[in-house]
Amino acid sequence: MTMEKRLAKSEVWQARIPTKLARDLEQDAEVFGLNGRSEIVREALTMLHRRADEQRMADGIAEYYGGKQAPLPAGIDR
């Protein structure tokens, strides 16, 4: 019998950050209504991933158009 490989539902990531950044992040968390370090880190990593996805899309569009400006959608004037 072979055992099915199961992926964990979550992982623990750790990082040391400067004290000032930690205090700034705690204040930022209040703005977004985040409770605790785990929520702060999850939201920060989600935002990082979203920005990376956006950058990959922008890079793909730039590559497709070979450095020329991509056309605007129909009905949009410059």
N, C-alpha and C. Protein backbone atom coordinates (compact mmCIF):
# COMPACT_ATOMS: atom_id res chain seq x y z
N MET A 1 0.82 -1.18 0.00
CA MET A 1 0.00 0.00 0.00
C MET A 1 0.87 1.25 0.00
N THR A 2 0.54 2.22 -0.84
CA THR A 2 1.28 3.48 -0.84
C THR A 2 0.51 4.51 -0.04
N MET A 3 1.25 5.32 0.68
CA MET A 3 0.61 6.37 1.47
C MET A 3 0.43 7.59 0.59
N GLU A 4 -0.76 8.15 0.62
CA GLU A 4 -1.04 9.35 -0.13
C GLU A 4 -0.35 10.53 0.54
N LYS A 5 0.38 11.30 -0.26
CA LYS A 5 1.06 12.47 0.29
C LYS A 5 0.03 13.59 0.48
N ARG A 6 -0.07 14.06 1.72
CA ARG A 6 -1.03 15.13 2.02
C ARG A 6 -0.28 16.41 2.35
N LEU A 7 -0.76 17.50 1.79
CA LEU A 7 -0.17 18.80 2.06
C LEU A 7 -0.77 19.37 3.34
N ALA A 8 0.05 20.01 4.12
CA ALA A 8 -0.44 20.67 5.34
C ALA A 8 -1.36 21.82 4.94
N LYS A 9 -2.35 22.09 5.80
CA LYS A 9 -3.27 23.18 5.53
C LYS A 9 -2.64 24.54 5.82
N SER A 10 -1.58 24.54 6.59
CA SER A 10 -0.88 25.79 6.87
C SER A 10 0.57 25.50 7.21
N GLU A 11 1.37 26.54 7.16
CA GLU A 11 2.78 26.46 7.50
C GLU A 11 3.11 27.60 8.44
N VAL A 12 4.16 27.43 9.21
CA VAL A 12 4.63 28.49 10.09
C VAL A 12 5.87 29.11 9.47
N TRP A 13 5.85 30.41 9.28
CA TRP A 13 6.99 31.16 8.80
C TRP A 13 7.37 32.14 9.90
N GLN A 14 8.64 32.34 10.09
CA GLN A 14 9.11 33.26 11.12
C GLN A 14 10.12 34.23 10.54
N ALA A 15 10.15 35.42 11.12
CA ALA A 15 11.14 36.42 10.71
C ALA A 15 11.39 37.37 11.87
N ARG A 16 12.61 37.78 12.00
CA ARG A 16 12.94 38.83 12.97
C ARG A 16 12.82 40.16 12.25
N ILE A 17 12.18 41.12 12.91
CA ILE A 17 12.02 42.45 12.31
C ILE A 17 12.46 43.50 13.33
N PRO A 18 12.89 44.66 12.85
CA PRO A 18 13.29 45.72 13.77
C PRO A 18 12.11 46.15 14.66
N THR A 19 12.43 46.55 15.87
CA THR A 19 11.40 46.95 16.83
C THR A 19 10.52 48.07 16.30
N LYS A 20 11.13 49.06 15.65
CA LYS A 20 10.32 50.17 15.12
C LYS A 20 9.31 49.67 14.09
N LEU A 21 9.72 48.78 13.22
CA LEU A 21 8.79 48.23 12.23
C LEU A 21 7.66 47.48 12.94
N ALA A 22 7.99 46.75 13.97
CA ALA A 22 6.95 46.01 14.72
C ALA A 22 5.92 46.97 15.29
N ARG A 23 6.38 48.09 15.88
CA ARG A 23 5.44 49.08 16.43
C ARG A 23 4.61 49.71 15.32
N ASP A 24 5.26 50.02 14.19
CA ASP A 24 4.54 50.61 13.05
C ASP A 24 3.48 49.64 12.54
N LEU A 25 3.81 48.37 12.46
CA LEU A 25 2.85 47.36 11.98
C LEU A 25 1.68 47.22 12.93
N GLU A 26 1.94 47.33 14.22
CA GLU A 26 0.83 47.27 15.19
C GLU A 26 -0.13 48.43 14.98
N GLN A 27 0.40 49.62 14.69
CA GLN A 27 -0.46 50.76 14.39
C GLN A 27 -1.20 50.56 13.07
N ASP A 28 -0.51 50.02 12.08
CA ASP A 28 -1.14 49.74 10.79
C ASP A 28 -2.28 48.73 10.96
N ALA A 29 -2.06 47.75 11.81
CA ALA A 29 -3.07 46.71 12.04
C ALA A 29 -4.36 47.32 12.56
N GLU A 30 -4.25 48.34 13.41
CA GLU A 30 -5.44 49.01 13.92
C GLU A 30 -6.25 49.63 12.79
N VAL A 31 -5.56 50.20 11.81
CA VAL A 31 -6.24 50.83 10.67
C VAL A 31 -7.10 49.81 9.93
N PHE A 32 -6.56 48.59 9.78
CA PHE A 32 -7.25 47.55 9.02
C PHE A 32 -8.07 46.61 9.90
N GLY A 33 -8.08 46.84 11.20
CA GLY A 33 -8.87 46.00 12.09
C GLY A 33 -8.30 44.60 12.25
N LEU A 34 -6.98 44.47 12.14
CA LEU A 34 -6.34 43.16 12.29
C LEU A 34 -6.02 42.93 13.76
N ASN A 35 -6.20 41.70 14.21
CA ASN A 35 -5.96 41.36 15.60
C ASN A 35 -4.80 40.39 15.71
N GLY A 36 -3.70 40.84 16.26
CA GLY A 36 -2.58 39.96 16.53
C GLY A 36 -1.60 39.84 15.38
N ARG A 37 -0.45 39.31 15.75
CA ARG A 37 0.65 39.19 14.79
C ARG A 37 0.34 38.25 13.63
N SER A 38 -0.35 37.17 13.91
CA SER A 38 -0.65 36.22 12.82
C SER A 38 -1.48 36.88 11.73
N GLU A 39 -2.50 37.65 12.13
CA GLU A 39 -3.32 38.33 11.13
C GLU A 39 -2.51 39.37 10.37
N ILE A 40 -1.62 40.07 11.08
CA ILE A 40 -0.77 41.07 10.43
C ILE A 40 0.11 40.40 9.38
N VAL A 41 0.78 39.32 9.77
CA VAL A 41 1.69 38.63 8.85
C VAL A 41 0.92 38.03 7.68
N ARG A 42 -0.24 37.40 7.94
CA ARG A 42 -1.03 36.84 6.84
C ARG A 42 -1.43 37.91 5.84
N GLU A 43 -1.91 39.05 6.34
CA GLU A 43 -2.34 40.13 5.45
C GLU A 43 -1.15 40.69 4.66
N ALA A 44 -0.01 40.86 5.34
CA ALA A 44 1.18 41.38 4.65
C ALA A 44 1.63 40.43 3.55
N LEU A 45 1.64 39.14 3.84
CA LEU A 45 2.06 38.17 2.82
C LEU A 45 1.05 38.07 1.69
N THR A 46 -0.22 38.22 2.00
CA THR A 46 -1.26 38.22 0.96
C THR A 46 -1.08 39.43 0.05
N MET A 47 -0.78 40.59 0.64
CA MET A 47 -0.55 41.79 -0.16
C MET A 47 0.70 41.64 -1.03
N LEU A 48 1.76 41.06 -0.47
CA LEU A 48 2.98 40.81 -1.24
C LEU A 48 2.68 39.90 -2.43
N HIS A 49 1.93 38.84 -2.19
CA HIS A 49 1.60 37.90 -3.26
C HIS A 49 0.74 38.59 -4.33
N ARG A 50 -0.22 39.39 -3.92
CA ARG A 50 -1.08 40.10 -4.87
C ARG A 50 -0.24 41.05 -5.73
N ARG A 51 0.67 41.78 -5.12
CA ARG A 51 1.53 42.70 -5.88
C ARG A 51 2.42 41.94 -6.86
N ALA A 52 2.93 40.79 -6.44
CA ALA A 52 3.76 39.97 -7.34
C ALA A 52 2.93 39.48 -8.52
N ASP A 53 1.69 39.06 -8.27
CA ASP A 53 0.80 38.63 -9.37
C ASP A 53 0.57 39.78 -10.35
N GLU A 54 0.32 40.98 -9.81
CA GLU A 54 0.10 42.14 -10.66
C GLU A 54 1.34 42.46 -11.49
N GLN A 55 2.51 42.34 -10.87
CA GLN A 55 3.75 42.61 -11.59
C GLN A 55 3.98 41.59 -12.69
N ARG A 56 3.70 40.30 -12.39
CA ARG A 56 3.84 39.27 -13.42
C ARG A 56 2.91 39.55 -14.60
N MET A 57 1.68 39.98 -14.31
CA MET A 57 0.74 40.30 -15.39
C MET A 57 1.26 41.49 -16.21
N ALA A 58 1.74 42.53 -15.53
CA ALA A 58 2.26 43.71 -16.23
C ALA A 58 3.47 43.34 -17.08
N ASP A 59 4.35 42.50 -16.53
CA ASP A 59 5.52 42.06 -17.29
C ASP A 59 5.10 41.25 -18.51
N GLY A 60 4.09 40.42 -18.36
CA GLY A 60 3.59 39.62 -19.48
C GLY A 60 3.00 40.49 -20.58
N ILE A 61 2.27 41.52 -20.19
CA ILE A 61 1.69 42.44 -21.17
C ILE A 61 2.80 43.20 -21.89
N ALA A 62 3.78 43.68 -21.12
CA ALA A 62 4.90 44.42 -21.72
C ALA A 62 5.67 43.53 -22.70
N GLU A 63 5.88 42.30 -22.32
CA GLU A 63 6.58 41.36 -23.21
C GLU A 63 5.77 41.10 -24.47
N TYR A 64 4.46 40.92 -24.32
CA TYR A 64 3.58 40.64 -25.46
C TYR A 64 3.62 41.79 -26.47
N TYR A 65 3.59 43.03 -25.95
CA TYR A 65 3.57 44.19 -26.84
C TYR A 65 4.97 44.67 -27.21
N GLY A 66 5.99 43.96 -26.78
CA GLY A 66 7.36 44.25 -27.19
C GLY A 66 7.83 45.67 -26.88
N GLY A 67 7.46 46.20 -25.74
CA GLY A 67 7.91 47.53 -25.36
C GLY A 67 7.02 48.65 -25.85
N LYS A 68 6.10 48.35 -26.77
CA LYS A 68 5.15 49.37 -27.22
C LYS A 68 4.04 49.48 -26.18
N GLN A 69 3.38 50.63 -26.17
CA GLN A 69 2.29 50.82 -25.22
C GLN A 69 1.10 49.95 -25.62
N ALA A 70 0.55 49.26 -24.65
CA ALA A 70 -0.63 48.43 -24.90
C ALA A 70 -1.83 49.33 -25.22
N PRO A 71 -2.69 48.88 -26.11
CA PRO A 71 -3.86 49.69 -26.45
C PRO A 71 -4.83 49.80 -25.26
N LEU A 72 -5.54 50.90 -25.18
CA LEU A 72 -6.54 51.07 -24.14
C LEU A 72 -7.80 50.30 -24.53
N PRO A 73 -8.62 49.94 -23.57
CA PRO A 73 -9.88 49.25 -23.88
C PRO A 73 -10.77 50.12 -24.77
N ALA A 74 -11.65 49.48 -25.53
CA ALA A 74 -12.58 50.20 -26.40
C ALA A 74 -13.38 51.20 -25.59
N GLY A 75 -13.53 52.40 -26.14
CA GLY A 75 -14.32 53.44 -25.48
C GLY A 75 -13.52 54.31 -24.52
N ILE A 76 -12.26 54.01 -24.33
CA ILE A 76 -11.41 54.81 -23.44
C ILE A 76 -10.51 55.67 -24.31
N ASP A 77 -10.59 56.98 -24.11
CA ASP A 77 -9.74 57.90 -24.85
C ASP A 77 -8.54 58.31 -24.03
N ARG A 78 -7.48 58.66 -24.72
CA ARG A 78 -6.26 59.15 -24.02
C ARG A 78 -6.43 60.58 -23.61
